[in-house]
């Protein structure tokens, strides 16, 4: 039971982290342009 809970929590944390990354990256077109320049 506890193992399932921990696995679920870590998956949730990963989803939240990805969401935060998307939210912080998508709005900033400057950042996207910088990334394109580096590539």
C-alpha atoms as a PDB file:
ATOM      1  CA  UNK A   1       0.000   0.000   0.000  1.00  0.00           C
ATOM      2  CA  UNK A   2       2.699   2.475   1.008  1.00  0.00           C
ATOM      3  CA  UNK A   3       4.825   1.584  -2.022  1.00  0.00           C
ATOM      4  CA  UNK A   4       1.942   2.378  -4.383  1.00  0.00           C
ATOM      5  CA  UNK A   5       1.393   5.700  -2.597  1.00  0.00           C
ATOM      6  CA  UNK A   6       5.055   6.658  -2.925  1.00  0.00           C
ATOM      7  CA  UNK A   7       5.150   5.710  -6.612  1.00  0.00           C
ATOM      8  CA  UNK A   8       1.993   7.736  -7.237  1.00  0.00           C
ATOM      9  CA  UNK A   9       3.443  10.732  -5.417  1.00  0.00           C
ATOM     10  CA  UNK A  10       6.711  10.665  -7.340  1.00  0.00           C
ATOM     11  CA  UNK A  11       4.804  10.448 -10.629  1.00  0.00           C
ATOM     12  CA  UNK A  12       2.660  13.403  -9.552  1.00  0.00           C
ATOM     13  CA  UNK A  13       5.797  15.361  -8.645  1.00  0.00           C
ATOM     14  CA  UNK A  14       7.253  14.683 -12.085  1.00  0.00           C
ATOM     15  CA  UNK A  15       4.032  15.839 -13.780  1.00  0.00           C
ATOM     16  CA  UNK A  16       3.982  19.027 -11.693  1.00  0.00           C
ATOM     17  CA  UNK A  17       7.641  19.683 -12.450  1.00  0.00           C
ATOM     18  CA  UNK A  18       7.044  19.272 -16.192  1.00  0.00           C
ATOM     19  CA  UNK A  19       4.028  21.592 -15.990  1.00  0.00           C
ATOM     20  CA  UNK A  20       6.116  24.239 -14.220  1.00  0.00           C
ATOM     21  CA  UNK A  21       8.820  23.934 -16.873  1.00  0.00           C
ATOM     22  CA  UNK A  22       6.278  24.299 -19.680  1.00  0.00           C
ATOM     23  CA  UNK A  23       4.651  27.294 -17.957  1.00  0.00           C
ATOM     24  CA  UNK A  24       7.984  29.037 -17.464  1.00  0.00           C
ATOM     25  CA  UNK A  25       9.324  28.247 -20.943  1.00  0.00           C
ATOM     26  CA  UNK A  26       6.307  28.690 -23.227  1.00  0.00           C
ATOM     27  CA  UNK A  27       5.431  32.327 -22.412  1.00  0.00           C
ATOM     28  CA  UNK A  28       8.974  33.550 -22.979  1.00  0.00           C
ATOM     29  CA  UNK A  29       9.596  33.787 -26.709  1.00  0.00           C
ATOM     30  CA  UNK A  30      12.926  35.456 -25.939  1.00  0.00           C
ATOM     31  CA  UNK A  31      14.108  32.219 -24.363  1.00  0.00           C
ATOM     32  CA  UNK A  32      12.950  30.201 -27.387  1.00  0.00           C
ATOM     33  CA  UNK A  33      14.832  32.565 -29.703  1.00  0.00           C
ATOM     34  CA  UNK A  34      17.962  32.227 -27.565  1.00  0.00           C
ATOM     35  CA  UNK A  35      17.704  28.438 -27.751  1.00  0.00           C
ATOM     36  CA  UNK A  36      17.332  28.593 -31.546  1.00  0.00           C
ATOM     37  CA  UNK A  37      20.410  30.826 -31.781  1.00  0.00           C
ATOM     38  CA  UNK A  38      22.445  28.373 -29.696  1.00  0.00           C
ATOM     39  CA  UNK A  39      21.375  25.497 -31.942  1.00  0.00           C
END
